[in-house]
Protein backbone atom coordinates (compact mmCIF):
# COMPACT_ATOMS: atom_id res chain seq x y z
CA MET A 1 -0.15 0.21 0.23
CA GLN A 2 1.40 3.33 -1.21
CA GLU A 3 2.80 5.70 1.68
CA PRO A 4 0.17 8.44 3.05
CA PRO A 5 1.83 11.70 1.69
CA ILE A 6 3.71 14.10 3.96
CA THR A 7 1.13 16.96 4.59
CA VAL A 8 2.56 20.85 4.09
CA LEU A 9 0.83 24.09 5.63
CA ILE A 10 2.54 27.05 3.86
CA ALA A 11 1.69 30.55 5.94
CA ASP A 12 2.75 34.02 4.62
CA ASP A 13 0.76 37.28 3.90
CA GLU A 14 2.88 37.61 0.34
CA ALA A 15 1.14 35.79 -2.26
CA ALA A 16 4.29 35.55 -4.30
CA ILE A 17 5.93 33.91 -1.42
CA ARG A 18 3.25 31.62 -1.09
CA ASN A 19 3.15 30.68 -4.58
CA GLY A 20 6.78 30.43 -4.64
CA LEU A 21 6.90 27.59 -2.16
CA GLN A 22 4.38 25.57 -3.34
CA GLU A 23 6.70 25.63 -6.50
CA ILE A 24 9.64 24.66 -4.65
CA VAL A 25 8.05 22.16 -2.62
CA ALA A 26 6.16 20.48 -5.47
CA ARG A 27 9.89 20.26 -7.60
CA ILE A 28 11.22 18.55 -4.59
CA GLN A 29 9.44 15.70 -5.96
CA ALA A 30 8.99 13.93 -2.94
CA ASN A 31 5.68 11.91 -1.20
CA THR A 32 4.26 15.38 -0.41
CA ARG A 33 1.01 17.24 -0.46
CA VAL A 34 0.51 20.92 0.05
CA VAL A 35 -3.14 20.80 1.93
CA ALA A 36 -3.26 24.32 2.63
CA CYS A 37 -1.86 28.18 2.32
CA ALA A 38 -2.61 30.78 4.87
CA ASP A 39 -2.31 34.54 4.50
CA SER A 40 -2.39 35.27 8.27
CA GLY A 41 -1.89 34.10 11.59
CA GLU A 42 -5.10 33.36 12.66
CA SER A 43 -6.23 31.00 9.34
CA ALA A 44 -2.45 29.55 9.75
CA LEU A 45 -3.37 28.78 13.32
CA GLN A 46 -6.86 27.59 12.03
CA SER A 47 -5.21 25.40 9.74
CA LEU A 48 -2.97 23.41 12.01
CA ARG A 49 -5.72 22.87 14.76
CA ALA A 50 -7.87 21.48 11.89
CA LEU A 51 -5.74 19.96 9.58
CA ARG A 52 -2.53 18.70 11.76
CA PRO A 53 0.04 18.91 9.07
CA ASP A 54 3.59 16.98 9.55
CA ILE A 55 5.55 20.12 8.60
CA ALA A 56 4.36 24.01 8.09
CA VAL A 57 6.79 26.39 6.47
CA MET A 58 5.74 30.28 8.18
CA ASP A 59 6.67 33.37 8.05
CA ILE A 60 7.42 35.23 12.12
CA SER A 61 5.84 38.28 10.99
CA MET A 62 2.21 37.94 9.70
CA PRO A 63 -0.73 40.27 10.42
CA GLY A 64 -2.59 39.87 13.68
CA ILE A 65 -0.84 36.81 15.27
CA SER A 66 2.21 36.46 14.84
CA GLY A 67 4.09 33.73 13.29
CA LEU A 68 5.97 32.85 16.66
CA ASP A 69 2.51 33.26 18.39
CA VAL A 70 1.60 30.50 16.22
CA ILE A 71 4.10 28.30 16.86
CA ARG A 72 4.04 29.20 20.62
CA THR A 73 0.30 28.15 20.37
CA ALA A 74 0.82 24.93 18.40
CA ALA A 75 3.45 23.90 21.43
CA GLU A 76 1.26 24.24 24.10
CA GLU A 77 -1.62 22.30 22.40
CA LYS A 78 0.62 20.01 21.61
CA LEU A 79 0.20 19.83 17.83
CA PRO A 80 2.49 17.45 15.79
CA THR A 81 3.47 19.93 13.21
CA ALA A 82 7.47 20.42 12.40
CA PHE A 83 7.90 24.27 11.74
CA LEU A 84 10.15 25.81 9.11
CA ILE A 85 10.30 29.22 9.70
CA LEU A 86 11.07 32.43 7.32
CA SER A 87 11.90 35.95 8.52
CA GLY A 88 12.88 39.38 6.82
CA TYR A 89 14.41 40.47 10.16
CA ASN A 90 18.45 39.51 10.52
CA ASP A 91 17.74 39.32 14.51
CA PHE A 92 19.09 36.37 16.31
CA SER A 93 16.45 37.11 19.18
CA TYR A 94 13.68 35.90 16.85
CA ALA A 95 15.69 32.69 15.71
CA GLN A 96 15.85 31.87 19.67
CA GLN A 97 12.77 32.14 20.51
CA ALA A 98 11.86 30.05 17.63
CA ILE A 99 14.26 27.48 18.86
CA ARG A 100 12.84 27.37 22.36
CA TYR A 101 9.56 26.22 20.81
CA GLY A 102 10.97 23.56 18.85
CA VAL A 103 11.13 25.17 15.24
CA LYS A 104 13.35 22.88 13.11
CA SER A 105 14.92 25.39 10.97
CA TYR A 106 15.52 29.03 10.23
CA PHE A 107 15.58 30.69 6.98
CA LEU A 108 15.92 34.84 6.37
CA LYS A 109 14.79 36.34 3.24
CA PRO A 110 15.32 36.54 0.45
CA LEU A 111 15.37 32.60 0.67
CA ASP A 112 18.17 30.43 -0.25
CA VAL A 113 16.58 27.91 -2.26
CA GLU A 114 19.18 25.13 -2.03
CA GLU A 115 19.62 25.53 1.87
CA PHE A 116 15.72 25.42 2.32
CA ARG A 117 15.65 22.22 -0.27
CA GLU A 118 18.26 20.25 2.10
CA ALA A 119 16.36 21.35 5.04
CA PHE A 120 13.18 20.27 3.92
CA LEU A 121 14.03 17.09 2.51
CA ARG A 122 15.80 16.27 5.91
CA GLN A 123 12.48 17.08 7.58
CA CYS A 124 10.40 14.73 5.40
CA GLY A 125 13.00 12.36 6.23
CA GLU A 126 12.38 12.71 10.21
CA VAL A 127 8.91 12.65 9.77
CA LEU A 128 8.95 8.93 8.12
CA ARG A 129 10.89 8.02 10.93
CA LEU A 130 8.52 9.42 13.80
CA ARG A 131 5.77 7.32 11.67
CA GLU A 132 7.80 4.26 11.57
CA GLY A 133 8.59 4.30 15.28
CA LYS A 134 12.20 3.16 14.92
CA GLU A 135 15.26 4.97 13.68
CA GLY A 136 15.87 3.06 10.67
CA LEU A 137 13.43 3.35 7.45
CA ASP A 138 12.92 0.57 5.03
CA GLU A 139 13.96 1.08 1.99
CA GLY A 140 11.38 1.72 -0.68
CA ARG A 141 9.95 4.86 1.98
CA ILE A 142 13.17 6.28 2.12
CA SER A 143 14.50 5.92 -1.69
CA ILE A 144 12.36 9.00 -2.87
CA PHE A 145 14.18 11.00 -0.42
CA ILE A 146 17.70 10.34 -1.26
CA ASP A 147 16.75 10.53 -4.93
CA SER A 148 16.08 13.89 -4.53
CA SER A 149 18.81 14.59 -2.12
CA ARG A 150 21.04 13.41 -4.73
CA THR A 151 19.64 15.59 -7.46
CA LEU A 152 20.30 18.36 -5.18
CA PHE A 153 23.87 17.35 -4.35
CA LEU A 154 24.64 17.01 -8.22
CA ASN A 155 23.43 19.82 -8.85
CA GLN A 156 25.19 21.62 -6.41
CA LEU A 157 28.41 20.26 -7.81
CA ILE A 158 28.19 21.79 -11.29
CA GLN A 159 27.64 25.11 -9.26
CA LYS A 160 30.52 24.67 -7.57
CA HIS A 161 28.90 24.71 -4.08
CA PHE A 162 31.61 22.00 -2.65
CA TYR A 163 35.24 22.56 -2.58
CA LYS A 164 36.89 19.99 -0.42
CA ALA A 165 37.39 16.32 -1.80
CA GLU A 166 36.32 15.04 1.97
CA ASP A 167 32.81 16.64 1.42
CA ILE A 168 32.00 15.07 -2.00
CA GLU A 169 33.33 11.55 -0.98
CA GLU A 170 30.94 11.60 1.90
CA LYS A 171 28.10 12.52 -0.04
CA LEU A 172 29.10 10.07 -2.86
CA ARG A 173 28.85 7.48 -0.10
CA LEU A 174 26.22 8.61 1.73
CA LEU A 175 23.69 9.26 -1.44
CA ARG A 176 24.53 5.76 -3.09
CA CYS A 177 26.23 7.73 -6.06
CA SER A 178 27.24 5.25 -8.71
CA VAL A 179 29.99 7.38 -9.81
CA ARG A 180 33.37 7.89 -7.77
CA ASP A 181 35.66 11.21 -7.49
CA GLU A 182 37.98 10.61 -10.62
CA ALA A 183 38.45 11.84 -13.95
CA SER A 184 34.85 12.85 -15.43
CA CYS A 185 32.69 14.77 -17.35
CA ILE A 186 29.51 16.10 -18.14
CA VAL A 187 27.03 15.38 -20.91
CA LEU A 188 24.22 17.71 -21.68
CA PHE A 189 21.08 17.09 -23.42
CA SER A 190 18.60 19.37 -24.56
CA LEU A 191 15.20 19.85 -26.22
CA LEU A 192 15.24 22.89 -28.89
CA PRO A 193 13.24 24.69 -28.99
CA ALA A 194 12.55 25.03 -25.12
CA GLU A 195 8.90 25.55 -25.30
CA THR A 196 6.28 25.62 -23.05
CA GLY A 197 4.80 22.12 -22.67
CA VAL A 198 7.69 20.20 -23.99
CA SER A 199 9.63 18.52 -21.55
CA PHE A 200 11.63 15.18 -21.17
CA PRO A 201 9.33 12.12 -19.67
CA GLU A 202 9.88 11.11 -16.35
CA ASP A 203 12.18 8.42 -16.78
CA ALA A 204 14.37 9.66 -19.34
CA PRO A 205 17.02 9.72 -16.33
CA ALA A 206 16.88 6.28 -15.81
CA ARG A 207 16.79 5.12 -19.63
CA VAL A 208 19.59 7.20 -20.12
CA SER A 209 21.82 5.52 -17.24
CA ALA A 210 20.98 2.27 -18.75
CA LEU A 211 22.55 3.33 -22.12
CA PHE A 212 26.14 4.61 -20.11
CA SER A 213 26.32 0.89 -18.87
CA GLY A 214 29.93 0.40 -19.50
CA PHE A 215 31.34 3.30 -16.90
CA PRO A 216 29.93 4.60 -13.72
CA CYS A 217 27.43 7.61 -14.40
CA GLU A 218 24.69 9.71 -12.78
CA CYS A 219 21.80 11.39 -14.85
CA TRP A 220 19.53 13.89 -13.31
CA ALA A 221 17.06 16.25 -15.01
CA ALA A 222 18.14 19.74 -14.51
CA SER A 223 14.89 21.34 -16.21
CA ASP A 224 12.04 19.87 -18.15
CA THR A 225 14.01 20.60 -21.29
CA GLN A 226 17.42 19.86 -19.95
CA LEU A 227 18.81 16.02 -18.62
CA LEU A 228 22.69 16.15 -17.37
CA ALA A 229 25.09 13.43 -16.95
CA LEU A 230 27.93 12.67 -14.92
CA VAL A 231 30.24 10.17 -16.27
CA ASN A 232 33.52 8.77 -14.79
CA ALA A 233 35.66 8.96 -18.06
CA ARG A 234 38.69 7.60 -17.14
CA ASN A 235 38.72 4.48 -19.23
CA ALA A 236 36.28 5.83 -21.59
CA GLY A 237 37.62 6.36 -25.28
CA GLU A 238 36.19 9.41 -27.11
CA LYS A 239 34.69 7.44 -29.65
CA ARG A 240 33.05 5.02 -27.17
CA LEU A 241 31.34 7.97 -25.10
CA HIS A 242 30.30 9.58 -28.47
CA ASP A 243 28.53 6.70 -29.55
CA CYS A 244 27.02 5.71 -26.28
CA VAL A 245 25.51 9.45 -26.26
CA LEU A 246 24.42 9.38 -30.02
CA SER A 247 22.67 6.24 -28.93
CA CYS A 248 20.90 8.29 -26.30
CA VAL A 249 19.93 11.02 -28.49
CA SER A 250 18.20 8.39 -30.87
CA LEU A 251 16.30 7.08 -27.55
CA LEU A 252 15.10 10.77 -26.35
CA SER A 253 14.56 11.93 -30.33
CA ARG A 254 10.54 13.20 -30.54
CA GLU A 255 8.82 14.81 -33.34
CA ASP A 256 7.96 17.91 -31.71
CA ALA A 257 11.55 19.00 -30.85
CA SER A 258 15.15 18.03 -31.46
CA VAL A 259 17.65 16.47 -29.04
CA LYS A 260 21.25 17.84 -29.06
CA ALA A 261 23.94 16.88 -27.10
CA ALA A 262 27.12 18.22 -25.99
CA VAL A 263 30.04 16.66 -24.11
CA GLY A 264 31.86 19.00 -21.97
CA ALA A 265 35.79 18.60 -21.15
CA VAL A 266 36.99 15.76 -19.36
CA VAL A 267 38.60 17.21 -15.69
CA LYS A 268 40.61 15.07 -13.27
CA CYS A 269 37.89 14.96 -10.37
CA LEU A 270 34.48 15.98 -9.35
CA GLN A 271 35.43 19.26 -7.57
CA LEU A 272 36.33 20.39 -11.06
CA ILE A 273 33.14 19.20 -12.57
CA HIS A 274 31.49 22.60 -12.81
CA ALA A 275 34.35 23.55 -15.41
CA SER A 276 32.97 20.14 -17.67
CA TYR A 277 29.38 21.67 -17.24
CA SER A 278 30.50 25.29 -18.50
CA SER A 279 31.94 23.60 -21.47
CA ALA A 280 29.34 21.46 -22.20
CA VAL A 281 26.90 24.67 -22.41
CA GLU A 282 29.23 26.34 -24.11
CA ALA A 283 29.92 23.85 -26.64
CA LEU A 284 25.86 23.67 -26.72
CA SER A 285 25.75 27.41 -27.97
CA TYR A 286 27.40 26.41 -31.33
CA ARG A 287 24.70 24.88 -32.79
CA ILE A 288 24.08 28.25 -34.24
CA TYR A 289 26.61 27.33 -37.06
CA ASP A 290 25.49 23.88 -37.97
CA THR A 291 21.82 23.06 -37.23
CA GLN A 292 22.04 19.88 -38.73
CA ALA A 293 24.56 18.86 -35.99
CA ILE A 294 23.39 16.88 -33.21
CA LEU A 295 26.61 16.20 -30.93
CA PHE A 296 28.88 19.12 -29.83
CA ASP A 297 32.10 18.96 -27.43
CA SER A 298 34.84 21.51 -26.64
CA SER A 299 36.81 21.09 -29.61
CA VAL A 300 34.11 23.58 -31.22
CA ILE A 301 34.95 26.19 -28.79
CA THR A 302 36.86 29.31 -30.75
CA ARG A 303 39.27 31.04 -28.19
CA GLU A 304 40.77 33.44 -30.60
CA ARG A 305 39.46 36.93 -30.20
CA PRO A 306 37.39 38.33 -32.67
CA ARG A 307 38.57 41.28 -34.37
CA PHE A 308 35.00 42.85 -35.11
CA SER A 309 34.78 45.18 -31.96
CA THR A 310 31.87 47.79 -30.43
CA GLU A 311 34.36 50.38 -31.60
CA ASN A 312 33.74 49.09 -35.23
CA ILE A 313 29.79 49.83 -35.00
CA ASP A 314 28.70 53.09 -37.16
CA TYR A 315 25.15 53.87 -36.12
CA LYS A 316 24.68 56.66 -38.38
CA PRO A 317 23.57 54.45 -41.47
CA LEU A 318 20.83 52.83 -39.22
CA ILE A 319 20.00 55.63 -37.62
CA TYR A 320 19.16 57.56 -41.06
CA ALA A 321 17.36 54.13 -42.35
CA LEU A 322 14.93 53.91 -39.05
CA THR A 323 14.34 57.88 -38.93
CA HIS A 324 13.44 57.64 -42.99
CA GLN A 325 11.43 54.49 -42.74
CA ASP A 326 13.79 52.93 -44.79
CA GLY A 327 12.99 49.24 -44.34
CA SER A 328 15.30 47.73 -47.02
CA GLY A 329 18.22 50.05 -45.53
CA VAL A 330 17.61 48.25 -41.94
CA SER A 331 17.87 45.13 -43.50
CA ASP A 332 20.73 45.90 -45.43
CA TYR A 333 22.61 47.20 -42.30
CA CYS A 334 21.67 44.04 -40.46
CA GLU A 335 23.09 41.88 -43.21
CA ALA A 336 26.54 43.67 -43.25
CA PHE A 337 26.70 43.81 -39.21
CA PHE A 338 26.34 39.84 -39.11
CA SER A 339 28.71 39.70 -41.92
CA SER A 340 31.50 41.71 -39.92
CA LEU A 341 30.49 39.74 -36.94
CA LEU A 342 31.43 36.47 -38.76
CA ALA A 343 34.28 37.66 -40.89
CA ALA A 344 36.46 35.22 -38.89
CA GLY A 345 33.90 32.27 -39.19
CA THR A 346 32.85 31.01 -36.06
CA PRO A 347 33.73 33.00 -33.01
CA PRO A 348 32.04 32.43 -29.83
CA PRO A 349 28.07 32.42 -29.67
CA SER A 350 28.30 34.66 -26.89
CA TYR A 351 30.21 37.40 -28.53
CA VAL A 352 27.78 37.50 -31.57
CA ILE A 353 24.73 37.86 -29.01
CA GLY A 354 26.58 40.04 -26.75
CA MET A 355 27.44 42.26 -29.83
CA CYS A 356 23.83 41.99 -31.15
CA ILE A 357 22.50 43.29 -27.72
CA TYR A 358 25.20 46.15 -27.57
CA LEU A 359 23.79 47.14 -30.80
CA VAL A 360 20.12 47.35 -30.26
CA VAL A 361 20.38 48.83 -26.82
CA ASN A 362 22.83 51.36 -28.06
CA VAL A 363 20.40 52.49 -30.84
CA GLN A 364 17.50 52.78 -28.44
CA LYS A 365 19.48 55.00 -26.80
CA GLN A 366 20.14 57.19 -29.42
CA LEU A 367 16.59 57.13 -30.73
CA GLU A 368 15.33 58.18 -27.38
CA LEU A 369 18.00 60.88 -27.45
CA LEU A 370 16.89 62.44 -30.60
CA TYR A 371 13.05 61.64 -30.34
CA PRO A 372 11.99 61.93 -26.40
CA GLU A 373 8.33 61.32 -27.38
CA ALA A 374 8.64 58.10 -29.06
CA LYS A 375 7.58 55.33 -26.79
CA LEU A 376 10.27 53.03 -27.49
CA PRO A 377 9.96 49.49 -25.59
CA ALA A 378 10.98 50.09 -21.77
CA ASP A 379 12.26 46.73 -20.88
CA LEU A 380 13.91 45.23 -23.76
CA ASP A 381 14.00 40.93 -23.18
CA CYS A 382 16.97 39.76 -24.74
CA ASP A 383 17.32 36.65 -22.99
CA VAL A 384 15.44 35.20 -25.89
CA LEU A 385 18.39 35.25 -28.01
CA TYR A 386 20.38 32.69 -26.43
CA THR A 387 17.20 30.32 -26.88
CA LEU A 388 17.67 30.74 -30.73
CA ASP A 389 19.15 27.87 -32.97
CA SER A 390 20.77 29.42 -35.99
CA VAL A 391 22.39 32.75 -37.07
CA THR A 392 19.98 33.28 -39.44
CA GLU A 393 17.07 33.33 -36.53
CA LEU A 394 19.44 35.82 -34.50
CA ARG A 395 19.63 38.16 -37.84
CA ARG A 396 15.78 37.82 -38.07
CA TRP A 397 15.15 39.04 -34.59
CA VAL A 398 17.75 42.07 -34.63
CA THR A 399 16.10 42.91 -38.16
CA GLU A 400 12.51 42.86 -36.52
CA LEU A 401 13.09 44.43 -33.44
CA LEU A 402 14.78 47.34 -35.36
CA GLU A 403 12.06 47.34 -37.54
CA SER A 404 9.43 47.85 -35.07
CA TYR A 405 11.53 51.09 -33.97
CA GLY A 406 10.90 52.50 -37.20
CA ALA A 407 7.61 52.11 -36.81
CA LEU A 408 7.41 53.48 -33.69
CA LEU A 409 9.34 56.40 -35.04
CA THR A 410 6.93 56.86 -37.94
CA ASP A 411 3.79 57.22 -34.94
CA SER A 412 5.70 59.56 -33.10
CA ALA A 413 6.32 61.87 -36.50
CA VAL A 414 2.71 61.95 -36.70
CA GLU A 415 2.31 63.36 -33.46
CA ARG A 416 4.98 65.74 -34.30
CA ASN A 417 4.02 66.58 -37.65
CA GLY A 418 0.74 67.87 -35.93
CA ILE A 419 -2.40 65.71 -34.17
CA ILE A 420 -1.43 66.32 -30.53
CA ARG A 421 0.42 69.72 -30.92
CA ALA A 422 -2.84 70.85 -33.03
CA ALA A 423 -5.05 69.64 -30.47
CA LYS A 424 -3.05 71.13 -27.42
CA GLU A 425 -2.69 74.75 -29.27
CA TYR A 426 -6.52 74.71 -29.65
CA ILE A 427 -7.24 73.79 -26.16
CA GLN A 428 -4.67 76.75 -25.00
CA GLN A 429 -6.67 79.02 -27.36
CA ASN A 430 -10.24 78.24 -26.08
CA LEU A 431 -9.93 77.48 -22.37
CA ASP A 432 -12.58 80.22 -21.62
CA LYS A 433 -15.04 78.06 -23.67
CA ASN A 434 -17.10 74.95 -22.89
CA ILE A 435 -14.86 72.73 -25.45
CA LYS A 436 -15.23 69.09 -25.67
CA ALA A 437 -13.49 66.48 -26.96
CA LYS A 438 -15.33 66.42 -30.38
CA ASP A 439 -14.94 69.77 -30.90
CA VAL A 440 -11.24 69.45 -30.54
CA ALA A 441 -11.48 66.07 -32.54
CA GLU A 442 -13.01 68.43 -35.64
CA GLN A 443 -9.99 70.29 -35.83
CA VAL A 444 -7.72 67.29 -35.93
CA HIS A 445 -10.09 65.40 -38.74
CA LEU A 446 -10.63 62.85 -36.41
CA SER A 447 -13.58 61.39 -34.97
CA GLU A 448 -14.35 61.65 -31.16
CA THR A 449 -13.60 58.27 -30.41
CA TYR A 450 -10.32 57.78 -31.80
CA PHE A 451 -9.33 60.92 -30.94
CA THR A 452 -10.07 60.66 -27.22
CA VAL A 453 -8.02 56.94 -27.64
CA TYR A 454 -5.18 58.72 -29.22
CA PHE A 455 -4.55 61.51 -26.90
CA LYS A 456 -4.55 59.24 -24.07
CA ASN A 457 -2.18 56.73 -25.73
CA LYS A 458 0.04 59.39 -27.00
CA THR A 459 0.08 61.93 -23.84
CA GLY A 460 -0.60 59.56 -21.13
CA THR A 461 -3.30 61.84 -19.84
CA ASN A 462 -6.89 61.64 -20.81
CA PHE A 463 -8.46 64.25 -22.72
CA ARG A 464 -10.68 65.48 -19.88
CA ASP A 465 -7.84 65.55 -17.00
CA TYR A 466 -5.88 67.21 -19.58
CA LEU A 467 -7.98 69.98 -20.12
CA LEU A 468 -9.23 70.11 -16.27
CA HIS A 469 -5.08 70.61 -15.23
CA ALA A 470 -4.85 73.21 -18.62
CA ARG A 471 -7.81 75.41 -16.63
CA MET A 472 -6.24 75.35 -13.24
CA ALA A 473 -2.47 75.99 -14.43
CA LEU A 474 -4.29 79.24 -16.00
CA ALA A 475 -6.18 79.65 -13.48
CA GLN A 476 -3.34 79.94 -10.70
CA LYS A 477 -1.13 82.24 -13.00
CA LEU A 478 -4.56 84.78 -13.07
CA LEU A 479 -4.79 84.30 -9.43
CA ALA A 480 -1.34 84.81 -8.77
CA SER A 481 -1.23 88.27 -11.14
CA ARG A 482 -4.34 89.76 -8.79
CA ASP A 483 -5.45 91.78 -11.79
CA ILE A 484 -9.02 90.35 -11.78
CA ASN A 485 -11.15 89.06 -9.46
CA ILE A 486 -11.91 85.33 -8.84
CA SER A 487 -15.17 85.22 -10.46
CA GLU A 488 -13.71 86.96 -13.81
CA ILE A 489 -11.39 84.30 -13.23
CA ALA A 490 -13.82 81.34 -13.46
CA TYR A 491 -15.32 82.90 -16.82
CA HIS A 492 -11.57 83.06 -17.77
CA VAL A 493 -11.28 79.31 -18.00
CA GLY A 494 -14.16 78.09 -19.06
CA TYR A 495 -16.62 78.01 -15.78
CA GLN A 496 -20.06 79.75 -15.84
CA ASP A 497 -20.30 79.76 -12.34
CA TYR A 498 -18.20 80.75 -9.66
CA ARG A 499 -19.05 77.70 -7.09
CA SER A 500 -18.03 74.90 -10.11
CA PHE A 501 -15.04 76.78 -10.49
CA SER A 502 -14.18 77.02 -6.89
CA ARG A 503 -14.80 73.39 -6.72
CA ALA A 504 -12.88 72.49 -9.31
CA PHE A 505 -9.83 74.65 -8.19
CA LYS A 506 -10.00 73.21 -4.46
CA ASN A 507 -10.31 69.32 -5.88
CA GLU A 508 -6.76 70.19 -7.97
CA THR A 509 -4.55 72.03 -5.56
CA GLY A 510 -6.16 71.44 -1.99
CA MET A 511 -7.34 75.20 -1.77
CA SER A 512 -9.90 77.05 -2.46
CA PRO A 513 -9.47 80.19 -4.89
CA SER A 514 -9.15 82.69 -1.66
CA GLU A 515 -7.00 80.21 0.56
CA TYR A 516 -4.40 80.26 -2.58
CA ILE A 517 -4.08 84.12 -2.85
CA ASN A 518 -3.91 84.30 0.87
CA SER A 519 -0.73 81.23 0.40
CA LEU A 520 0.93 83.53 -1.90
């Protein structure tokens, strides 16, 4: 019979943190179930009493009853829940109180995810031990936690979290790893394109490991679209290893996405395995030069420094093409730009992508200086460049982005050539009249509906608010001059009676017209 899941309560008054914790717990892939989420101390305490979860992840500072008060009450009522607490306060007194109430782990925000995962897995193991009523656990029940801990350890290795050989040896032994601390390399399998809904099957790591039967290997899923294999390569010849990798690619292949692999450089021990991982990632990036290739290794990596640099970029022809709506000129410029980048053959893809980002960012800055009213994108998402699979796709992305800038400048040019300027001039000249949006729309030859939408889009202010601000600005100027009385000023800014003007003025400035005069 399947072991009942370990139940978890998450309590934090910030929805983003609650959602993030739920995702972290789910990704640990242990036999756990989040039974409730609470946004306050009161609701957390109610859930603890009603559901009696095995583990609670709780923020110390929450509205109403604090997290520490909840934990104290749970201890007094002898509730069986084990607590892991979060705090935004770097104050050891909170930790001292929490430990006094039996809290198992204490984490400061922002959360160190790897540290939390490790502590959470330890607590899951403790829950199982308590259920079993003895120190040991049968192999079937603890295996999922060993697997999760092993994956965490392997990820830490490629991220250079471990530096001492004895630390690595101990982890290999405790987590029953198949590999030894000797000459090794990382093999990376990637699904391309990495689109939403595309993923390797859950049993892919086990199936890949089986194909590496000739030498020790640990395989795990780094993400839905990326598998990693750590291979002891001391006795593995290059051809034999490559043949094995190609067999894995054939096994993993699917119709909706291609599978490509990269073999990192062999390093002498696991302390250096992060370098093998980095070289595998870099080698795979060279796929942009050979879209038909399946397997890449460190031999493709170019170390020669490219001759073309940021100092060689001449922006003038591109700026001219963009400001004159010359689409073919933009396309020709991008073609020449990429020809310059690739003059040396196959420079590092990171260099090519970096130069593309440098180009578009600096062009945008120059355009914003030349045309401050043009609404160019505030946030430029360049991460997508790293997911593209060919130089052709890179060139298309850069060209289309720059062409979109040209279209936005065209919009801005229309504004500069008359619509918004004419509208504002008409408003300023007719503030003493009861003008409406349709009156201004007629002046600029647009329908009333289109004009109001266009005005809001281009100025960031709706027509009625702009008209009110303009009237009140003129009123303040006239009041400050003290040349005419308040009633006359009301008529000058388009109001037919003093009361309506006074009410509008106070809403705008926080003072009545008389109070405004006295404040001067």
